[in-house]
Amino acid sequence: MTEAGLAGAVALTASYLGASLQLVWRQSRPRREATGLSPALYGLEFAEVRVKSRDGLDLAGWWVPGGRERKAALLVHGLHASKSSPYVLPALPVYAGLGFGVLLLDLRAHGDSPGRRTTLGALEVRDVLGGLDWLAQRGYPREAVVLHGWSMGAAAVLRVAADETVRAVVADSGYARLSRLLRQRMGPWLYPGAALASRWLLGVSPQGVAPEEAAARLRAAGTPLFLLHGRADRTVPVEHARRLHARYPEAQLWTLAGFPHVAAWRHPEYAARLHGFLSGLGGRW
């Protein structure tokens, strides 16, 4: 290679890496959602609480008390969302009607929680673990907790459940592997630089964030799993749900024709399907 060619290659590489850093820097700053909604929408009493993540963040949450039975649910939103998201709150009356106490979290850098960066479900597992710790301190052991997540929240709860003995998992619109999703979104040219920039800026390797491997471990442990996904989802293609299901064929899978990302709550059968899954846990408490 000539000197001019080498200089050009160096300049091109520097430009590519610079663009990759800028992309990750921009995309890792989520929008703060403020819907004005709360559990009061369903006539439910709730308290504002603070939940300590495993790495010390003081997360915002809502606690909706349950019945006498010591069982609880932890609800975890997705990207650019919050505990008050229109797709999170409709699950509340189902859980409340079955006597669950419900903890809703604002993940790091979302809602009223501190932080400036999201890692799309990688470091957010520390927030979910903090939620489990909070519940355990109040008499709800892990084996009495259902984890329910949407999108990146679904990825986070699947990964946590693979290492914790929880009662069950509900994963709505979750991805199977972060690297696969980012390749689909960015294309084969941009992804390698973005993956490298993610390790530099966020300390996260997308290749290592693999809920599909977690699903296989849930199967081995016999942890009940309910997968929901819209077939018209352009954010996380429905193939991700099918990949998760392939690793856990006994899991319940509901794919909704014509429904986009995190929109299952709009389906007229949503409450009944969720109720049926939870009721099916029956005597396992």
Protein backbone atom coordinates (compact mmCIF):
# COMPACT_ATOMS: atom_id res chain seq x y z
CA MET A 1 0.00 0.00 0.00
CA THR A 2 1.28 3.45 -0.86
CA GLU A 3 1.74 6.16 1.75
CA ALA A 4 -1.25 8.00 0.35
CA GLY A 5 -3.31 4.80 0.42
CA LEU A 6 -2.33 4.11 4.02
CA ALA A 7 -3.23 7.66 5.04
CA GLY A 8 -6.58 7.28 3.33
CA ALA A 9 -7.26 3.99 5.09
CA VAL A 10 -6.37 5.51 8.45
CA ALA A 11 -8.63 8.49 7.78
CA LEU A 12 -11.48 6.21 6.71
CA THR A 13 -11.09 4.03 9.81
CA ALA A 14 -11.00 7.08 12.10
CA SER A 15 -14.10 8.46 10.42
CA TYR A 16 -15.90 5.13 10.77
CA LEU A 17 -15.03 4.78 14.46
CA GLY A 18 -15.94 8.40 15.11
CA ALA A 19 -19.33 7.92 13.46
CA SER A 20 -19.85 4.73 15.48
CA LEU A 21 -19.07 6.48 18.75
CA GLN A 22 -21.42 9.31 17.86
CA LEU A 23 -24.18 6.84 16.96
CA VAL A 24 -23.92 4.95 20.25
CA TRP A 25 -23.60 8.20 22.22
CA ARG A 26 -26.82 9.48 20.67
CA GLN A 27 -28.81 6.24 20.74
CA SER A 28 -27.94 5.41 24.35
CA ARG A 29 -29.74 8.53 25.65
CA PRO A 30 -33.41 7.62 25.97
CA ARG A 31 -36.32 10.01 25.90
CA ARG A 32 -38.03 10.64 29.23
CA GLU A 33 -41.70 9.69 29.11
CA ALA A 34 -44.31 11.53 31.18
CA THR A 35 -47.81 10.22 30.49
CA GLY A 36 -49.57 11.57 33.59
CA LEU A 37 -51.11 8.12 34.07
CA SER A 38 -50.93 6.05 37.26
CA PRO A 39 -52.56 3.01 38.90
CA ALA A 40 -55.35 5.38 39.94
CA LEU A 41 -56.59 4.94 36.36
CA TYR A 42 -57.95 1.58 37.52
CA GLY A 43 -59.02 2.75 40.97
CA LEU A 44 -55.99 1.13 42.62
CA GLU A 45 -54.25 2.55 45.65
CA PHE A 46 -50.49 2.89 45.31
CA ALA A 47 -47.45 4.36 47.02
CA GLU A 48 -44.39 6.03 45.54
CA VAL A 49 -41.27 4.09 46.53
CA ARG A 50 -37.53 4.15 45.89
CA VAL A 51 -35.73 0.98 44.88
CA LYS A 52 -31.96 0.56 45.05
CA SER A 53 -30.46 -1.08 41.97
CA ARG A 54 -27.65 -3.59 42.46
CA ASP A 55 -25.15 -0.91 41.44
CA GLY A 56 -26.54 1.74 43.76
CA LEU A 57 -28.98 3.77 41.64
CA ASP A 58 -32.01 5.12 43.51
CA LEU A 59 -34.80 4.06 41.15
CA ALA A 60 -38.35 5.40 41.18
CA GLY A 61 -41.20 2.94 41.62
CA TRP A 62 -44.85 2.45 42.49
CA TRP A 63 -46.11 -0.20 44.87
CA VAL A 64 -49.67 -1.49 44.54
CA PRO A 65 -50.48 -3.61 47.63
CA GLY A 66 -51.90 -7.08 47.09
CA GLY A 67 -54.05 -9.49 49.06
CA ARG A 68 -53.18 -11.72 51.98
CA GLU A 69 -51.32 -14.26 49.86
CA ARG A 70 -47.63 -13.39 49.67
CA LYS A 71 -47.23 -13.20 45.91
CA ALA A 72 -46.03 -10.30 43.81
CA ALA A 73 -45.31 -9.15 40.27
CA LEU A 74 -42.52 -6.89 39.05
CA LEU A 75 -43.42 -4.93 35.90
CA VAL A 76 -40.56 -3.65 33.73
CA HIS A 77 -41.08 -1.26 30.79
CA GLY A 78 -39.11 -0.90 27.55
CA LEU A 79 -37.02 1.79 25.83
CA HIS A 80 -38.25 5.43 25.85
CA ALA A 81 -40.99 4.39 28.30
CA SER A 82 -41.71 4.32 32.04
CA LYS A 83 -43.79 2.71 34.76
CA SER A 84 -46.69 4.91 33.59
CA SER A 85 -46.59 3.71 29.97
CA PRO A 86 -49.97 2.96 28.36
CA TYR A 87 -48.83 -0.57 27.55
CA VAL A 88 -47.65 -1.33 31.13
CA LEU A 89 -50.64 -0.19 33.17
CA PRO A 90 -53.28 -2.46 31.54
CA ALA A 91 -51.59 -5.47 33.14
CA LEU A 92 -52.23 -4.03 36.60
CA PRO A 93 -55.94 -4.90 37.03
CA VAL A 94 -55.21 -8.50 36.01
CA TYR A 95 -52.56 -8.92 38.69
CA ALA A 96 -54.55 -6.96 41.27
CA GLY A 97 -57.63 -9.06 40.59
CA LEU A 98 -55.64 -12.18 41.42
CA GLY A 99 -54.34 -10.74 44.68
CA PHE A 100 -50.80 -9.90 43.59
CA GLY A 101 -48.84 -7.04 45.07
CA VAL A 102 -47.32 -5.19 42.12
CA LEU A 103 -44.06 -3.24 41.91
CA LEU A 104 -43.62 -1.02 38.84
CA LEU A 105 -40.13 0.33 38.17
CA ASP A 106 -38.65 3.20 36.20
CA LEU A 107 -35.46 1.72 34.78
CA ARG A 108 -32.22 3.73 34.82
CA ALA A 109 -32.33 6.85 32.66
CA HIS A 110 -36.11 6.51 32.29
CA GLY A 111 -39.10 8.11 33.97
CA ASP A 112 -38.14 9.54 37.37
CA SER A 113 -35.06 7.37 37.85
CA PRO A 114 -31.49 8.73 37.69
CA GLY A 115 -29.03 7.99 34.93
CA ARG A 116 -28.25 9.29 31.46
CA ARG A 117 -27.58 6.11 29.47
CA THR A 118 -29.51 3.00 28.55
CA THR A 119 -27.87 -0.30 27.60
CA LEU A 120 -30.99 -1.87 26.03
CA GLY A 121 -31.36 -4.51 28.71
CA ALA A 122 -27.73 -5.27 29.53
CA LEU A 123 -27.06 -3.32 32.73
CA GLU A 124 -30.81 -3.00 33.37
CA VAL A 125 -30.68 -6.47 34.90
CA ARG A 126 -29.23 -4.71 37.94
CA ASP A 127 -32.42 -2.68 38.21
CA VAL A 128 -34.60 -5.79 38.05
CA LEU A 129 -32.44 -7.46 40.70
CA GLY A 130 -32.89 -4.37 42.85
CA GLY A 131 -36.64 -4.79 42.46
CA LEU A 132 -36.42 -8.41 43.60
CA ASP A 133 -34.32 -7.31 46.59
CA TRP A 134 -36.95 -4.69 47.50
CA LEU A 135 -39.72 -7.29 47.37
CA ALA A 136 -37.69 -9.82 49.38
CA GLN A 137 -37.13 -7.23 52.11
CA ARG A 138 -40.91 -6.93 52.38
CA GLY A 139 -41.60 -10.63 52.66
CA TYR A 140 -41.96 -11.65 49.01
CA PRO A 141 -39.37 -14.36 48.24
CA ARG A 142 -38.17 -14.74 44.66
CA GLU A 143 -40.09 -17.96 44.18
CA ALA A 144 -43.32 -16.00 44.79
CA VAL A 145 -42.58 -13.28 42.19
CA VAL A 146 -43.68 -13.11 38.55
CA LEU A 147 -41.40 -11.02 36.33
CA HIS A 148 -43.25 -9.23 33.51
CA GLY A 149 -41.28 -7.19 30.97
CA TRP A 150 -41.82 -5.43 27.67
CA SER A 151 -39.21 -5.05 24.88
CA MET A 152 -35.82 -4.38 26.54
CA GLY A 153 -37.60 -4.98 29.86
CA ALA A 154 -38.53 -8.44 28.57
CA ALA A 155 -34.88 -9.09 27.75
CA ALA A 156 -33.86 -7.97 31.23
CA VAL A 157 -36.39 -10.12 33.10
CA LEU A 158 -35.53 -13.21 31.05
CA ARG A 159 -31.85 -12.82 31.85
CA VAL A 160 -32.54 -12.26 35.55
CA ALA A 161 -34.90 -15.23 35.76
CA ALA A 162 -32.21 -17.50 34.33
CA ASP A 163 -30.17 -16.96 37.49
CA GLU A 164 -32.95 -16.46 40.04
CA THR A 165 -35.68 -18.87 41.15
CA VAL A 166 -38.76 -16.82 40.26
CA ARG A 167 -42.31 -18.12 39.96
CA ALA A 168 -42.84 -17.28 36.27
CA VAL A 169 -41.93 -14.87 33.47
CA VAL A 170 -44.05 -12.91 31.00
CA ALA A 171 -42.01 -11.52 28.07
CA ASP A 172 -43.80 -9.14 25.68
CA SER A 173 -42.04 -8.08 22.45
CA GLY A 174 -38.57 -9.06 23.67
CA TYR A 175 -35.53 -9.72 21.52
CA ALA A 176 -33.67 -13.04 21.40
CA ARG A 177 -30.13 -11.66 21.12
CA LEU A 178 -29.09 -8.01 21.19
CA SER A 179 -26.38 -8.39 18.56
CA ARG A 180 -28.88 -9.91 16.13
CA LEU A 181 -31.37 -7.09 16.70
CA LEU A 182 -28.74 -4.39 16.24
CA ARG A 183 -27.47 -5.99 13.03
CA GLN A 184 -31.03 -5.99 11.71
CA ARG A 185 -31.51 -2.34 12.66
CA MET A 186 -28.10 -0.99 11.62
CA GLY A 187 -27.02 -3.31 8.83
CA PRO A 188 -23.79 -5.30 8.52
CA TRP A 189 -21.63 -2.24 7.85
CA LEU A 190 -22.56 -0.09 10.85
CA TYR A 191 -22.99 -2.85 13.44
CA PRO A 192 -19.32 -3.82 14.04
CA GLY A 193 -18.33 -0.22 14.81
CA ALA A 194 -21.37 0.26 17.03
CA ALA A 195 -20.56 -2.94 18.95
CA LEU A 196 -17.01 -1.73 19.52
CA ALA A 197 -18.25 1.72 20.57
CA SER A 198 -20.71 0.10 22.97
CA ARG A 199 -17.86 -1.67 24.73
CA TRP A 200 -15.85 1.56 24.94
CA LEU A 201 -18.65 3.90 26.05
CA LEU A 202 -21.01 1.65 27.99
CA GLY A 203 -18.92 -1.35 29.00
CA VAL A 204 -21.40 -3.64 27.27
CA SER A 205 -20.85 -6.26 24.55
CA PRO A 206 -24.09 -6.78 22.58
CA GLN A 207 -23.07 -10.33 21.71
CA GLY A 208 -23.21 -11.29 25.37
CA VAL A 209 -26.80 -10.10 25.86
CA ALA A 210 -28.68 -13.24 24.85
CA PRO A 211 -32.18 -13.80 26.27
CA GLU A 212 -32.55 -16.87 24.04
CA GLU A 213 -29.88 -18.59 26.13
CA ALA A 214 -31.75 -17.51 29.25
CA ALA A 215 -34.94 -19.06 27.83
CA ALA A 216 -33.15 -22.40 27.52
CA ARG A 217 -32.12 -22.18 31.16
CA LEU A 218 -35.70 -21.35 32.19
CA ARG A 219 -36.81 -24.49 30.40
CA ALA A 220 -34.24 -26.56 32.25
CA ALA A 221 -35.43 -25.10 35.55
CA GLY A 222 -39.11 -25.60 34.71
CA THR A 223 -39.92 -21.90 35.17
CA PRO A 224 -43.23 -21.11 33.38
CA LEU A 225 -42.86 -18.64 30.48
CA PHE A 226 -45.46 -16.71 28.48
CA LEU A 227 -44.24 -15.04 25.26
CA LEU A 228 -46.30 -12.36 23.50
CA HIS A 229 -45.33 -10.67 20.23
CA GLY A 230 -47.02 -8.73 17.44
CA ARG A 231 -46.48 -10.13 13.96
CA ALA A 232 -46.38 -6.57 12.56
CA ASP A 233 -43.61 -5.53 14.98
CA ARG A 234 -41.00 -3.50 13.05
CA THR A 235 -38.98 -2.62 16.15
CA VAL A 236 -38.28 -6.20 17.24
CA PRO A 237 -39.31 -8.60 14.45
CA VAL A 238 -41.52 -11.50 15.49
CA GLU A 239 -38.74 -13.94 14.53
CA HIS A 240 -37.16 -13.06 17.90
CA ALA A 241 -40.18 -14.51 19.74
CA ARG A 242 -39.94 -17.62 17.61
CA ARG A 243 -36.25 -17.97 18.42
CA LEU A 244 -37.04 -17.66 22.13
CA HIS A 245 -39.79 -20.25 21.76
CA ALA A 246 -37.44 -22.60 19.92
CA ARG A 247 -35.23 -22.63 23.01
CA TYR A 248 -38.27 -23.29 25.23
CA PRO A 249 -40.90 -25.12 23.13
CA GLU A 250 -43.15 -25.77 26.14
CA ALA A 251 -43.53 -22.02 26.80
CA GLN A 252 -46.82 -20.38 25.89
CA LEU A 253 -46.46 -18.34 22.70
CA TRP A 254 -49.05 -15.85 21.49
CA THR A 255 -48.26 -14.02 18.24
CA LEU A 256 -50.79 -11.38 17.25
CA ALA A 257 -51.55 -10.84 13.57
CA GLY A 258 -51.41 -7.17 12.57
CA PHE A 259 -50.17 -5.92 15.94
CA PRO A 260 -47.05 -3.71 16.19
CA HIS A 261 -44.47 -3.40 18.98
CA VAL A 262 -45.71 -3.71 22.61
CA ALA A 263 -49.34 -3.46 21.48
CA ALA A 264 -50.76 -6.75 22.79
CA TRP A 265 -52.61 -4.82 25.50
CA ARG A 266 -54.97 -3.51 22.81
CA HIS A 267 -56.16 -6.99 21.89
CA PRO A 268 -59.61 -7.86 23.30
CA GLU A 269 -58.25 -11.16 24.64
CA TYR A 270 -55.22 -9.65 26.38
CA ALA A 271 -56.56 -9.59 29.93
CA ALA A 272 -58.08 -13.07 29.60
CA ARG A 273 -54.88 -14.58 28.19
CA LEU A 274 -52.72 -13.05 30.90
CA HIS A 275 -55.25 -14.09 33.55
CA GLY A 276 -55.26 -17.63 32.18
CA PHE A 277 -51.48 -17.92 32.33
CA LEU A 278 -51.30 -16.60 35.88
CA SER A 279 -54.24 -18.69 37.05
CA GLY A 280 -52.55 -21.73 35.56
CA LEU A 281 -49.75 -21.29 38.07
CA GLY A 282 -52.38 -22.18 40.66
CA GLY A 283 -51.10 -24.49 43.34
CA ARG A 284 -47.47 -23.84 42.48
CA TRP A 285 -47.31 -20.91 44.95
